[in-house]
C-alpha atoms as a PDB file:
ATOM      1  CA  LEU A   1       7.798 152.415 126.296  1.00  0.00           C
ATOM      2  CA  GLY A   2      10.863 154.580 125.950  1.00  0.00           C
ATOM      3  CA  SER A   3      13.023 152.138 127.902  1.00  0.00           C
ATOM      4  CA  ILE A   4      11.723 149.208 125.888  1.00  0.00           C
ATOM      5  CA  SER A   5      12.637 150.876 122.563  1.00  0.00           C
ATOM      6  CA  THR A   6      16.083 151.662 123.899  1.00  0.00           C
ATOM      7  CA  LEU A   7      16.713 148.023 124.819  1.00  0.00           C
ATOM      8  CA  VAL A   8      15.563 146.856 121.413  1.00  0.00           C
ATOM      9  CA  HIS A   9      17.879 149.327 119.729  1.00  0.00           C
ATOM     10  CA  GLU A  10      20.893 148.192 121.823  1.00  0.00           C
ATOM     11  CA  GLU A  11      20.226 144.537 121.045  1.00  0.00           C
ATOM     12  CA  ALA A  12      20.101 145.352 117.313  1.00  0.00           C
ATOM     13  CA  VAL A  13      23.438 147.149 117.513  1.00  0.00           C
ATOM     14  CA  VAL A  14      25.071 144.223 119.377  1.00  0.00           C
ATOM     15  CA  SER A  15      23.693 141.760 116.814  1.00  0.00           C
ATOM     16  CA  THR A  16      25.082 143.829 113.941  1.00  0.00           C
ATOM     17  CA  GLN A  17      28.533 144.011 115.568  1.00  0.00           C
ATOM     18  CA  SER A  18      28.603 140.236 116.171  1.00  0.00           C
ATOM     19  CA  THR A  19      27.730 139.549 112.543  1.00  0.00           C
ATOM     20  CA  GLY A  20      30.540 141.859 111.378  1.00  0.00           C
ATOM     21  CA  GLN A  21      33.085 140.166 113.624  1.00  0.00           C
ATOM     22  CA  ARG A  22      32.066 136.727 112.360  1.00  0.00           C
ATOM     23  CA  ARG A  23      32.455 137.847 108.776  1.00  0.00           C
ATOM     24  CA  MET A  24      35.895 139.346 109.490  1.00  0.00           C
ATOM     25  CA  SER A  25      37.165 136.190 111.227  1.00  0.00           C
ATOM     26  CA  SER A  26      35.856 134.111 108.356  1.00  0.00           C
ATOM     27  CA  LYS A  27      37.763 136.244 105.856  1.00  0.00           C
ATOM     28  CA  ILE A  28      40.937 135.943 107.947  1.00  0.00           C
ATOM     29  CA  SER A  29      40.587 132.158 108.090  1.00  0.00           C
ATOM     30  CA  VAL A  30      40.086 131.952 104.315  1.00  0.00           C
ATOM     31  CA  ALA A  31      43.137 134.173 103.733  1.00  0.00           C
ATOM     32  CA  ALA A  32      45.272 132.049 106.075  1.00  0.00           C
ATOM     33  CA  GLY A  33      44.138 128.880 104.328  1.00  0.00           C
ATOM     34  CA  LEU A  34      44.911 130.355 100.922  1.00  0.00           C
ATOM     35  CA  ALA A  35      48.340 131.422 102.175  1.00  0.00           C
ATOM     36  CA  LEU A  36      49.086 127.919 103.441  1.00  0.00           C
ATOM     37  CA  VAL A  37      47.938 126.397 100.185  1.00  0.00           C
ATOM     38  CA  GLY A  38      50.112 128.894  98.309  1.00  0.00           C
ATOM     39  CA  LEU A  39      53.155 128.051 100.422  1.00  0.00           C
ATOM     40  CA  GLY A  40      52.587 124.333  99.901  1.00  0.00           C
ATOM     41  CA  ALA A  41      52.229 124.822  96.169  1.00  0.00           C
ATOM     42  CA  ALA A  42      55.363 126.973  96.091  1.00  0.00           C
ATOM     43  CA  SER A  43      57.339 124.324  97.966  1.00  0.00           C
ATOM     44  CA  GLN A  44      56.218 121.756  95.427  1.00  0.00           C
ATOM     45  CA  CYS A  45      57.459 123.991  92.620  1.00  0.00           C
ATOM     46  CA  LEU A  46      60.989 124.546  94.034  1.00  0.00           C
ATOM     47  CA  TYR A  47      63.948 122.310  94.816  1.00  0.00           C
ATOM     48  CA  ASN A  48      67.467 122.933  96.127  1.00  0.00           C
ATOM     49  CA  VAL A  49      70.843 121.740  94.825  1.00  0.00           C
ATOM     50  CA  ASP A  50      73.586 121.781  97.475  1.00  0.00           C
ATOM     51  CA  PRO A  51      77.293 122.545  96.857  1.00  0.00           C
ATOM     52  CA  GLY A  52      79.090 119.602  95.276  1.00  0.00           C
ATOM     53  CA  GLU A  53      75.907 118.410  93.570  1.00  0.00           C
ATOM     54  CA  ALA A  54      74.280 118.754  90.166  1.00  0.00           C
ATOM     55  CA  ALA A  55      70.722 118.026  89.061  1.00  0.00           C
ATOM     56  CA  ILE A  56      68.903 116.965  85.928  1.00  0.00           C
ATOM     57  CA  ILE A  57      65.143 116.981  85.320  1.00  0.00           C
ATOM     58  CA  PHE A  58      63.000 114.018  84.355  1.00  0.00           C
ATOM     59  CA  ASP A  59      59.844 115.182  82.570  1.00  0.00           C
ATOM     60  CA  ARG A  60      56.954 112.703  82.431  1.00  0.00           C
ATOM     61  CA  PHE A  61      56.089 113.864  78.921  1.00  0.00           C
ATOM     62  CA  ALA A  62      59.489 114.774  77.411  1.00  0.00           C
ATOM     63  CA  GLY A  63      61.795 112.384  79.296  1.00  0.00           C
ATOM     64  CA  VAL A  64      65.218 113.376  80.648  1.00  0.00           C
ATOM     65  CA  LYS A  65      66.066 117.006  79.941  1.00  0.00           C
ATOM     66  CA  THR A  66      69.525 117.800  78.556  1.00  0.00           C
ATOM     67  CA  GLN A  67      70.088 120.797  80.817  1.00  0.00           C
ATOM     68  CA  VAL A  68      72.185 120.345  83.959  1.00  0.00           C
ATOM     69  CA  TYR A  69      71.433 122.525  87.009  1.00  0.00           C
ATOM     70  CA  GLY A  70      74.143 123.617  89.446  1.00  0.00           C
ATOM     71  CA  GLU A  71      73.892 124.545  93.096  1.00  0.00           C
ATOM     72  CA  GLY A  72      71.023 126.832  94.144  1.00  0.00           C
ATOM     73  CA  THR A  73      67.211 126.851  94.145  1.00  0.00           C
ATOM     74  CA  HIS A  74      65.419 125.930  90.905  1.00  0.00           C
ATOM     75  CA  PHE A  75      61.840 125.694  89.585  1.00  0.00           C
ATOM     76  CA  LYS A  76      59.993 122.542  88.564  1.00  0.00           C
ATOM     77  CA  ILE A  77      56.447 121.664  87.500  1.00  0.00           C
ATOM     78  CA  PRO A  78      54.760 119.646  90.267  1.00  0.00           C
ATOM     79  CA  LEU A  79      53.579 116.122  89.387  1.00  0.00           C
ATOM     80  CA  ILE A  80      55.188 116.435  85.929  1.00  0.00           C
ATOM     81  CA  GLN A  81      58.891 117.043  86.595  1.00  0.00           C
ATOM     82  CA  ASP A  82      61.154 115.329  89.133  1.00  0.00           C
ATOM     83  CA  PRO A  83      64.735 116.477  89.916  1.00  0.00           C
ATOM     84  CA  ILE A  84      67.486 113.812  89.947  1.00  0.00           C
ATOM     85  CA  ILE A  85      70.424 115.035  92.040  1.00  0.00           C
ATOM     86  CA  PHE A  86      73.965 113.619  91.526  1.00  0.00           C
ATOM     87  CA  ASP A  87      76.930 113.900  93.874  1.00  0.00           C
ATOM     88  CA  ILE A  88      79.776 115.264  91.717  1.00  0.00           C
ATOM     89  CA  LYS A  89      82.440 115.421  94.456  1.00  0.00           C
ATOM     90  CA  SER A  90      85.436 113.084  94.288  1.00  0.00           C
ATOM     91  CA  LYS A  91      84.690 109.743  95.909  1.00  0.00           C
ATOM     92  CA  PRO A  92      87.067 106.847  96.718  1.00  0.00           C
ATOM     93  CA  ARG A  93      86.551 103.271  95.635  1.00  0.00           C
ATOM     94  CA  SER A  94      88.704 100.137  95.960  1.00  0.00           C
ATOM     95  CA  VAL A  95      88.403  97.382  93.378  1.00  0.00           C
ATOM     96  CA  PRO A  96      90.065  93.960  93.989  1.00  0.00           C
ATOM     97  CA  VAL A  97      91.145  91.944  90.941  1.00  0.00           C
ATOM     98  CA  THR A  98      92.714  88.499  90.522  1.00  0.00           C
ATOM     99  CA  THR A  99      94.565  87.955  87.260  1.00  0.00           C
ATOM    100  CA  GLY A 100      97.615  86.248  85.738  1.00  0.00           C
ATOM    101  CA  SER A 101     101.078  87.519  84.822  1.00  0.00           C
ATOM    102  CA  LYS A 102     103.049  86.891  81.637  1.00  0.00           C
ATOM    103  CA  ASP A 103     104.748  83.852  83.199  1.00  0.00           C
ATOM    104  CA  LEU A 104     101.345  82.450  84.294  1.00  0.00           C
ATOM    105  CA  GLN A 105     101.627  83.379  87.965  1.00  0.00           C
ATOM    106  CA  THR A 106      98.485  84.255  89.945  1.00  0.00           C
ATOM    107  CA  VAL A 107      98.458  87.940  90.915  1.00  0.00           C
ATOM    108  CA  ASN A 108      96.088  89.564  93.436  1.00  0.00           C
ATOM    109  CA  LEU A 109      95.770  93.344  93.134  1.00  0.00           C
ATOM    110  CA  THR A 110      93.639  96.045  94.733  1.00  0.00           C
ATOM    111  CA  LEU A 111      93.255  99.335  92.884  1.00  0.00           C
ATOM    112  CA  ARG A 112      92.139 102.461  94.747  1.00  0.00           C
ATOM    113  CA  ILE A 113      90.670 105.258  92.645  1.00  0.00           C
ATOM    114  CA  LEU A 114      89.218 108.725  93.263  1.00  0.00           C
ATOM    115  CA  PHE A 115      86.539 109.577  90.716  1.00  0.00           C
ATOM    116  CA  HIS A 116      83.723 111.969  89.916  1.00  0.00           C
ATOM    117  CA  PRO A 117      81.284 112.200  87.006  1.00  0.00           C
ATOM    118  CA  ASP A 118      81.510 114.766  84.226  1.00  0.00           C
ATOM    119  CA  PRO A 119      78.638 117.170  85.072  1.00  0.00           C
ATOM    120  CA  THR A 120      78.061 118.029  81.411  1.00  0.00           C
ATOM    121  CA  VAL A 121      77.141 114.452  80.495  1.00  0.00           C
ATOM    122  CA  LEU A 122      74.970 113.576  83.500  1.00  0.00           C
ATOM    123  CA  PRO A 123      71.813 113.233  81.314  1.00  0.00           C
ATOM    124  CA  SER A 124      73.621 110.712  79.096  1.00  0.00           C
ATOM    125  CA  ILE A 125      74.982 108.808  82.116  1.00  0.00           C
ATOM    126  CA  TYR A 126      71.531 108.595  83.696  1.00  0.00           C
ATOM    127  CA  THR A 127      69.858 107.568  80.433  1.00  0.00           C
ATOM    128  CA  ASN A 128      72.417 104.966  79.315  1.00  0.00           C
ATOM    129  CA  VAL A 129      73.760 103.593  82.600  1.00  0.00           C
ATOM    130  CA  GLY A 130      71.655 104.748  85.526  1.00  0.00           C
ATOM    131  CA  PHE A 131      72.036 106.572  88.810  1.00  0.00           C
ATOM    132  CA  ASP A 132      74.408 103.890  90.204  1.00  0.00           C
ATOM    133  CA  TYR A 133      76.851 104.333  87.317  1.00  0.00           C
ATOM    134  CA  ASP A 134      79.924 103.704  89.512  1.00  0.00           C
ATOM    135  CA  GLU A 135      78.679 100.258  90.558  1.00  0.00           C
ATOM    136  CA  ARG A 136      78.060  99.258  86.955  1.00  0.00           C
ATOM    137  CA  ILE A 137      81.069 100.773  85.180  1.00  0.00           C
ATOM    138  CA  LEU A 138      84.118 100.975  87.475  1.00  0.00           C
ATOM    139  CA  PRO A 139      84.504  97.291  88.482  1.00  0.00           C
ATOM    140  CA  SER A 140      84.267  96.101  84.874  1.00  0.00           C
ATOM    141  CA  ILE A 141      86.715  98.585  83.336  1.00  0.00           C
ATOM    142  CA  VAL A 142      89.198  98.208  86.218  1.00  0.00           C
ATOM    143  CA  ASP A 143      89.144  94.435  85.783  1.00  0.00           C
ATOM    144  CA  GLU A 144      89.599  94.783  82.019  1.00  0.00           C
ATOM    145  CA  VAL A 145      92.510  97.232  82.182  1.00  0.00           C
ATOM    146  CA  LEU A 146      94.380  95.461  84.999  1.00  0.00           C
ATOM    147  CA  LYS A 147      94.216  92.091  83.253  1.00  0.00           C
ATOM    148  CA  SER A 148      95.414  93.661  80.011  1.00  0.00           C
ATOM    149  CA  VAL A 149      98.380  95.437  81.615  1.00  0.00           C
ATOM    150  CA  VAL A 150      99.487  92.733  84.072  1.00  0.00           C
ATOM    151  CA  ALA A 151      99.560  90.128  81.284  1.00  0.00           C
ATOM    152  CA  LYS A 152     102.456  92.053  79.692  1.00  0.00           C
ATOM    153  CA  TYR A 153     104.800  91.643  82.685  1.00  0.00           C
ATOM    154  CA  ASP A 154     106.433  88.743  84.476  1.00  0.00           C
ATOM    155  CA  ALA A 155     105.814  88.330  88.201  1.00  0.00           C
ATOM    156  CA  SER A 156     109.281  89.628  89.066  1.00  0.00           C
ATOM    157  CA  GLU A 157     108.829  92.637  86.753  1.00  0.00           C
ATOM    158  CA  LEU A 158     105.614  93.571  88.554  1.00  0.00           C
ATOM    159  CA  ILE A 159     107.758  94.099  91.650  1.00  0.00           C
ATOM    160  CA  THR A 160     110.853  95.690  90.129  1.00  0.00           C
ATOM    161  CA  GLN A 161     108.900  97.868  87.656  1.00  0.00           C
ATOM    162  CA  ARG A 162     105.926  98.742  89.847  1.00  0.00           C
ATOM    163  CA  ASP A 163     106.047 102.451  88.955  1.00  0.00           C
ATOM    164  CA  ALA A 164     105.906 101.679  85.234  1.00  0.00           C
ATOM    165  CA  VAL A 165     103.002  99.287  85.804  1.00  0.00           C
ATOM    166  CA  SER A 166     101.104 101.918  87.820  1.00  0.00           C
ATOM    167  CA  ASP A 167     101.639 104.564  85.127  1.00  0.00           C
ATOM    168  CA  LYS A 168     100.438 102.219  82.394  1.00  0.00           C
ATOM    169  CA  VAL A 169      97.336 101.267  84.376  1.00  0.00           C
ATOM    170  CA  ALA A 170      96.568 104.931  85.117  1.00  0.00           C
ATOM    171  CA  ASP A 171      96.859 105.990  81.461  1.00  0.00           C
ATOM    172  CA  ASP A 172      94.747 103.152  80.084  1.00  0.00           C
ATOM    173  CA  LEU A 173      92.117 103.357  82.809  1.00  0.00           C
ATOM    174  CA  THR A 174      91.774 107.154  82.515  1.00  0.00           C
ATOM    175  CA  ARG A 175      91.112 106.924  78.774  1.00  0.00           C
ATOM    176  CA  ARG A 176      88.667 104.066  79.275  1.00  0.00           C
ATOM    177  CA  ALA A 177      86.706 105.856  82.027  1.00  0.00           C
ATOM    178  CA  GLU A 178      86.414 109.093  80.045  1.00  0.00           C
ATOM    179  CA  THR A 179      84.430 107.273  77.363  1.00  0.00           C
ATOM    180  CA  PHE A 180      81.714 106.774  80.004  1.00  0.00           C
ATOM    181  CA  GLY A 181      81.866 110.363  81.289  1.00  0.00           C
ATOM    182  CA  ILE A 182      83.880 109.565  84.446  1.00  0.00           C
ATOM    183  CA  PHE A 183      86.957 111.536  85.489  1.00  0.00           C
ATOM    184  CA  LEU A 184      89.635 109.765  87.577  1.00  0.00           C
ATOM    185  CA  ASP A 185      91.445 112.104  89.979  1.00  0.00           C
ATOM    186  CA  ASP A 186      93.876 109.563  91.452  1.00  0.00           C
ATOM    187  CA  ILE A 187      94.820 105.929  90.777  1.00  0.00           C
ATOM    188  CA  SER A 188      97.096 103.777  92.948  1.00  0.00           C
ATOM    189  CA  ILE A 189      97.867 100.100  93.461  1.00  0.00           C
ATOM    190  CA  THR A 190      97.463  99.552  97.204  1.00  0.00           C
ATOM    191  CA  HIS A 191      97.779  95.755  97.340  1.00  0.00           C
ATOM    192  CA  LEU A 192      99.925  93.354  95.292  1.00  0.00           C
ATOM    193  CA  THR A 193     100.455  89.701  96.201  1.00  0.00           C
ATOM    194  CA  PHE A 194     101.146  86.474  94.355  1.00  0.00           C
ATOM    195  CA  GLY A 195      99.954  82.886  94.542  1.00  0.00           C
ATOM    196  CA  ARG A 196     101.341  80.410  97.056  1.00  0.00           C
ATOM    197  CA  ASP A 197     103.376  78.563  94.405  1.00  0.00           C
ATOM    198  CA  PHE A 198     105.245  81.714  93.438  1.00  0.00           C
ATOM    199  CA  VAL A 199     105.934  82.623  97.078  1.00  0.00           C
ATOM    200  CA  THR A 200     107.304  79.120  97.717  1.00  0.00           C
ATOM    201  CA  ALA A 201     109.491  79.334  94.614  1.00  0.00           C
ATOM    202  CA  VAL A 202     110.874  82.706  95.716  1.00  0.00           C
ATOM    203  CA  GLU A 203     111.650  81.381  99.192  1.00  0.00           C
ATOM    204  CA  SER A 204     113.403  78.344  97.718  1.00  0.00           C
ATOM    205  CA  LYS A 205     115.419  80.565  95.408  1.00  0.00           C
ATOM    206  CA  GLN A 206     116.495  82.755  98.295  1.00  0.00           C
ATOM    207  CA  VAL A 207     117.564  79.705 100.311  1.00  0.00           C
ATOM    208  CA  ALA A 208     119.542  78.379  97.315  1.00  0.00           C
ATOM    209  CA  GLN A 209     121.245  81.736  96.851  1.00  0.00           C
ATOM    210  CA  GLN A 210     122.194  81.835 100.513  1.00  0.00           C
ATOM    211  CA  GLU A 211     123.633  78.311 100.311  1.00  0.00           C
ATOM    212  CA  ALA A 212     125.601  79.264  97.193  1.00  0.00           C
ATOM    213  CA  GLU A 213     126.966  82.356  98.923  1.00  0.00           C
ATOM    214  CA  ARG A 214     127.952  80.270 101.947  1.00  0.00           C
ATOM    215  CA  SER A 215     129.704  77.671  99.744  1.00  0.00           C
ATOM    216  CA  ARG A 216     131.555  80.371  97.852  1.00  0.00           C
ATOM    217  CA  PHE A 217     132.690  81.867 101.148  1.00  0.00           C
ATOM    218  CA  TYR A 218     134.085  78.497 102.275  1.00  0.00           C
ATOM    219  CA  VAL A 219     135.893  78.026  98.954  1.00  0.00           C
ATOM    220  CA  GLU A 220     137.410  81.500  99.126  1.00  0.00           C
ATOM    221  CA  LYS A 221     138.411  80.916 102.750  1.00  0.00           C
ATOM    222  CA  ALA A 222     140.140  77.643 101.859  1.00  0.00           C
ATOM    223  CA  GLU A 223     141.914  79.338  98.963  1.00  0.00           C
ATOM    224  CA  PHE A 224     143.143  82.113 101.223  1.00  0.00           C
ATOM    225  CA  GLU A 225     144.327  79.598 103.824  1.00  0.00           C
ATOM    226  CA  LYS A 226     146.153  77.671 101.095  1.00  0.00           C
ATOM    227  CA  GLN A 227     147.871  80.803  99.865  1.00  0.00           C
ATOM    228  CA  ALA A 228     148.815  81.703 103.439  1.00  0.00           C
ATOM    229  CA  ALA A 229     150.293  78.240 104.037  1.00  0.00           C
ATOM    230  CA  ILE A 230     152.291  78.472 100.811  1.00  0.00           C
ATOM    231  CA  ILE A 231     153.611  81.902 101.708  1.00  0.00           C
ATOM    232  CA  SER A 232     154.467  80.714 105.234  1.00  0.00           C
ATOM    233  CA  ALA A 233     156.280  77.639 103.884  1.00  0.00           C
ATOM    234  CA  GLU A 234     158.194  79.724 101.410  1.00  0.00           C
ATOM    235  CA  GLY A 235     159.199  82.061 104.235  1.00  0.00           C
ATOM    236  CA  ASP A 236     160.343  79.144 106.418  1.00  0.00           C
ATOM    237  CA  ALA A 237     162.345  77.671 103.539  1.00  0.00           C
ATOM    238  CA  MET A 238     163.985  80.993 102.845  1.00  0.00           C
ATOM    239  CA  ALA A 239     164.796  81.448 106.535  1.00  0.00           C
ATOM    240  CA  ALA A 240     166.318  77.957 106.707  1.00  0.00           C
ATOM    241  CA  LYS A 241     168.336  78.655 103.625  1.00  0.00           C
ATOM    242  CA  MET A 242     169.625  81.888 105.105  1.00  0.00           C
ATOM    243  CA  LEU A 243     170.547  80.115 108.378  1.00  0.00           C
ATOM    244  CA  SER A 244     172.356  77.381 106.501  1.00  0.00           C
ATOM    245  CA  SER A 245     174.278  79.979 104.558  1.00  0.00           C
ATOM    246  CA  ALA A 246     175.176  81.797 107.772  1.00  0.00           C
ATOM    247  CA  PHE A 247     176.401  78.562 109.380  1.00  0.00           C
ATOM    248  CA  ASP A 248     178.584  77.849 106.402  1.00  0.00           C
ATOM    249  CA  GLN A 249     180.150  81.293 106.674  1.00  0.00           C
ATOM    250  CA  VAL A 250     180.727  81.671 110.428  1.00  0.00           C
ATOM    251  CA  GLY A 251     180.642  78.088 111.675  1.00  0.00           C
ATOM    252  CA  ASP A 252     179.362  77.564 115.241  1.00  0.00           C
ATOM    253  CA  SER A 253     179.694  81.204 116.243  1.00  0.00           C
ATOM    254  CA  LEU A 254     176.081  81.901 115.335  1.00  0.00           C
ATOM    255  CA  ILE A 255     174.913  79.011 117.482  1.00  0.00           C
ATOM    256  CA  GLU A 256     176.942  80.284 120.417  1.00  0.00           C
ATOM    257  CA  LEU A 257     175.454  83.731 119.909  1.00  0.00           C
ATOM    258  CA  ARG A 258     171.932  82.304 119.975  1.00  0.00           C
ATOM    259  CA  LYS A 259     172.810  80.392 123.205  1.00  0.00           C
ATOM    260  CA  MET A 260     174.019  83.565 124.843  1.00  0.00           C
ATOM    261  CA  GLU A 261     170.878  85.424 123.808  1.00  0.00           C
ATOM    262  CA  ALA A 262     168.708  82.605 125.152  1.00  0.00           C
ATOM    263  CA  ALA A 263     170.646  82.544 128.443  1.00  0.00           C
ATOM    264  CA  GLU A 264     170.280  86.289 128.780  1.00  0.00           C
ATOM    265  CA  GLU A 265     166.529  86.034 128.240  1.00  0.00           C
ATOM    266  CA  ILE A 266     166.242  83.230 130.795  1.00  0.00           C
ATOM    267  CA  ALA A 267     168.257  85.205 133.352  1.00  0.00           C
ATOM    268  CA  SER A 268     166.040  88.247 132.825  1.00  0.00           C
ATOM    269  CA  ASN A 269     162.911  86.192 133.405  1.00  0.00           C
ATOM    270  CA  LEU A 270     164.330  84.574 136.551  1.00  0.00           C
ATOM    271  CA  ALA A 271     165.487  87.901 137.952  1.00  0.00           C
ATOM    272  CA  ALA A 272     161.937  89.225 137.742  1.00  0.00           C
ATOM    273  CA  SER A 273     160.573  86.236 139.687  1.00  0.00           C
ATOM    274  CA  ARG A 274     160.168  86.487 143.491  1.00  0.00           C
ATOM    275  CA  ASN A 275     160.661  82.761 144.087  1.00  0.00           C
ATOM    276  CA  VAL A 276     164.280  82.693 142.870  1.00  0.00           C
ATOM    277  CA  THR A 277     167.266  83.261 145.191  1.00  0.00           C
ATOM    278  CA  TYR A 278     170.838  83.582 143.961  1.00  0.00           C
ATOM    279  CA  LEU A 279     173.616  81.768 145.875  1.00  0.00           C
ATOM    280  CA  PRO A 280     177.340  82.472 145.436  1.00  0.00           C
ATOM    281  CA  ARG A 281     179.360  79.553 144.050  1.00  0.00           C
ATOM    282  CA  ASP A 282     182.300  79.819 146.467  1.00  0.00           C
ATOM    283  CA  LYS A 283     180.403  80.554 149.678  1.00  0.00           C
ATOM    284  CA  GLY A 284     178.939  77.915 151.949  1.00  0.00           C
ATOM    285  CA  MET A 285     175.314  78.743 152.474  1.00  0.00           C
ATOM    286  CA  LEU A 286     174.033  75.356 153.663  1.00  0.00           C
ATOM    287  CA  LEU A 287     174.857  75.700 157.428  1.00  0.00           C
ATOM    288  CA  ASN A 288     178.468  74.487 156.900  1.00  0.00           C
ATOM    289  CA  LEU A 289     177.360  70.962 156.053  1.00  0.00           C
ATOM    290  CA  PRO A 290     180.213  68.767 155.035  1.00  0.00           C
ATOM    291  CA  THR A 291     180.572  68.188 151.368  1.00  0.00           C
ATOM    292  CA  GLN A 292     181.736  64.983 149.812  1.00  0.00           C
END
């Protein structure tokens, strides 16, 4: 009997310990589940804004909030508020435009701009324009400003006064973009061409100018040759006159002098030649052949 009571007591103790362990594990499971639910709820209540970004809040009851949130972690109400995050870093964009100049020439331009939104007016931009504000605003205002500015210049002036045209476009476009809450950091004209008719006209003009320059060169050359011929003729006439005067003064002596000078020059040339042999006048050098 004693052993039986001991066994019963041990089984009761084991049963009590097992029940306690089950209750403890159940409490741990409930706590872990509550912790996971809490973490999930916390993640739904927080959102992050990275550097170079700004956020606004859309409330399902109040609409778009006017406050703008900078970088960091912020609180929101799950299922009621949604964050709308904008990229406020400078971004490039190229806008091609075809327009006409003052002299009715077709002009093709490409404008490259660096832009970013004004963070303080992001709620207004989102409400009035939308998240894709750059797609809706920039092409239209660039087209408007370029057509307005280019129409004030002739095609040739667009080339010779390109800096002035760029400055005018930059000033007008900057003021126009600021009315929509967009800041322009840099504006440059990267491409400028004209219609085929204008290019053909320019090429023809260049050819005509080259022909005119060539004709003028020929005329000037002929004029110079004419002046040279006149000067040469005048020199020959003066030389002849001087010779005639010398002949009148000294008679044939000058002619004899010129003969002697010519003979001396001929003798010098013959003396330098290897194929010339001098023979004495009074010596017989032809093998004593009889002379007749």
